[in-house]
Amino acid sequence: MRVEFTKGPGTSYEIAVHRETGAALAPRNGPGGHPYLPHDLLHLLAEIEAGIPLGVFGQLASGDNGLF
């Protein structure tokens, strides 16, 4: 899975998830946050570093569309 963050004005950003399993997900606007650390990026990093296989991004990678 590839996760792409695109910076917008201020603290806004867009996130796109490219995955091999499940239907394609349309890019969406993120909820904002710190100017250099998007909210969703922190979720992704925490899940990777803590080894959480079924966090938000793990579920997306397995084919779920969740509330994303």
C-alpha atoms as a PDB file:
ATOM      1  CA  MET A   1       0.000   0.000   0.000  1.00  0.00           C
ATOM      2  CA  ARG A   2       1.168   3.524  -0.774  1.00  0.00           C
ATOM      3  CA  VAL A   3      -0.141   6.517   1.164  1.00  0.00           C
ATOM      4  CA  GLU A   4       0.292   9.938  -0.410  1.00  0.00           C
ATOM      5  CA  PHE A   5      -0.081  13.237   1.453  1.00  0.00           C
ATOM      6  CA  THR A   6      -0.409  16.485  -0.504  1.00  0.00           C
ATOM      7  CA  LYS A   7      -0.023  19.746   1.416  1.00  0.00           C
ATOM      8  CA  GLY A   8      -2.684  22.392   0.993  1.00  0.00           C
ATOM      9  CA  PRO A   9      -2.877  25.924   2.360  1.00  0.00           C
ATOM     10  CA  GLY A  10      -2.282  26.369   6.093  1.00  0.00           C
ATOM     11  CA  THR A  11      -2.649  23.067   7.922  1.00  0.00           C
ATOM     12  CA  SER A  12      -4.889  21.458   5.290  1.00  0.00           C
ATOM     13  CA  TYR A  13      -3.828  18.430   3.262  1.00  0.00           C
ATOM     14  CA  GLU A  14      -5.211  15.752   0.995  1.00  0.00           C
ATOM     15  CA  ILE A  15      -4.573  12.062   1.501  1.00  0.00           C
ATOM     16  CA  ALA A  16      -4.705   9.351  -1.146  1.00  0.00           C
ATOM     17  CA  VAL A  17      -4.378   5.625  -0.471  1.00  0.00           C
ATOM     18  CA  HIS A  18      -3.234   3.350  -3.293  1.00  0.00           C
ATOM     19  CA  ARG A  19      -3.733  -0.302  -2.406  1.00  0.00           C
ATOM     20  CA  GLU A  20      -3.777  -3.725  -3.977  1.00  0.00           C
ATOM     21  CA  THR A  21      -6.851  -5.102  -2.169  1.00  0.00           C
ATOM     22  CA  GLY A  22     -10.357  -3.663  -2.342  1.00  0.00           C
ATOM     23  CA  ALA A  23     -11.949  -0.930  -4.381  1.00  0.00           C
ATOM     24  CA  ALA A  24     -10.023   2.231  -5.164  1.00  0.00           C
ATOM     25  CA  LEU A  25     -10.420   4.991  -2.592  1.00  0.00           C
ATOM     26  CA  ALA A  26     -10.993   8.563  -3.713  1.00  0.00           C
ATOM     27  CA  PRO A  27      -8.539  11.093  -2.256  1.00  0.00           C
ATOM     28  CA  ARG A  28      -9.988  13.051   0.643  1.00  0.00           C
ATOM     29  CA  ASN A  29      -9.180  16.120   2.670  1.00  0.00           C
ATOM     30  CA  GLY A  30      -7.525  15.440   5.995  1.00  0.00           C
ATOM     31  CA  PRO A  31      -8.745  16.988   9.248  1.00  0.00           C
ATOM     32  CA  GLY A  32      -5.780  19.369   9.473  1.00  0.00           C
ATOM     33  CA  GLY A  33      -3.468  19.528  12.449  1.00  0.00           C
ATOM     34  CA  HIS A  34       0.109  20.615  12.869  1.00  0.00           C
ATOM     35  CA  PRO A  35       1.600  22.462   9.849  1.00  0.00           C
ATOM     36  CA  TYR A  36       4.349  19.830   9.377  1.00  0.00           C
ATOM     37  CA  LEU A  37       2.723  16.695  10.840  1.00  0.00           C
ATOM     38  CA  PRO A  38      -0.672  15.923   9.313  1.00  0.00           C
ATOM     39  CA  HIS A  39      -3.112  14.186  11.662  1.00  0.00           C
ATOM     40  CA  ASP A  40      -3.396  11.102   9.450  1.00  0.00           C
ATOM     41  CA  LEU A  41       0.381  10.858   9.045  1.00  0.00           C
ATOM     42  CA  LEU A  42       0.697  10.523  12.816  1.00  0.00           C
ATOM     43  CA  HIS A  43      -1.862   7.683  12.742  1.00  0.00           C
ATOM     44  CA  LEU A  44       0.136   5.938  10.012  1.00  0.00           C
ATOM     45  CA  LEU A  45       3.468   6.320  11.824  1.00  0.00           C
ATOM     46  CA  ALA A  46       2.045   5.183  15.170  1.00  0.00           C
ATOM     47  CA  GLU A  47       0.527   2.067  13.577  1.00  0.00           C
ATOM     48  CA  ILE A  48       3.788   1.184  11.823  1.00  0.00           C
ATOM     49  CA  GLU A  49       6.042   1.819  14.827  1.00  0.00           C
ATOM     50  CA  ALA A  50       3.747   0.127  17.377  1.00  0.00           C
ATOM     51  CA  GLY A  51       3.091  -2.829  15.070  1.00  0.00           C
ATOM     52  CA  ILE A  52      -0.683  -2.350  15.053  1.00  0.00           C
ATOM     53  CA  PRO A  53      -1.784  -4.539  12.124  1.00  0.00           C
ATOM     54  CA  LEU A  54      -5.478  -3.592  12.117  1.00  0.00           C
ATOM     55  CA  GLY A  55      -5.371   0.113  12.830  1.00  0.00           C
ATOM     56  CA  VAL A  56      -6.932   2.564  10.383  1.00  0.00           C
ATOM     57  CA  PHE A  57      -4.322   1.981   7.686  1.00  0.00           C
ATOM     58  CA  GLY A  58      -4.007  -1.761   8.295  1.00  0.00           C
ATOM     59  CA  GLN A  59      -7.736  -2.127   7.776  1.00  0.00           C
ATOM     60  CA  LEU A  60      -7.546  -0.097   4.584  1.00  0.00           C
ATOM     61  CA  ALA A  61      -4.664  -2.243   3.321  1.00  0.00           C
ATOM     62  CA  SER A  62      -6.721  -5.395   3.936  1.00  0.00           C
ATOM     63  CA  GLY A  63      -9.537  -4.107   1.733  1.00  0.00           C
ATOM     64  CA  ASP A  64     -11.867  -2.392   4.203  1.00  0.00           C
ATOM     65  CA  ASN A  65     -13.169   1.057   3.288  1.00  0.00           C
ATOM     66  CA  GLY A  66     -14.079   1.882   6.902  1.00  0.00           C
ATOM     67  CA  LEU A  67     -15.044   5.462   7.640  1.00  0.00           C
ATOM     68  CA  PHE A  68     -12.075   6.744   5.707  1.00  0.00           C
END
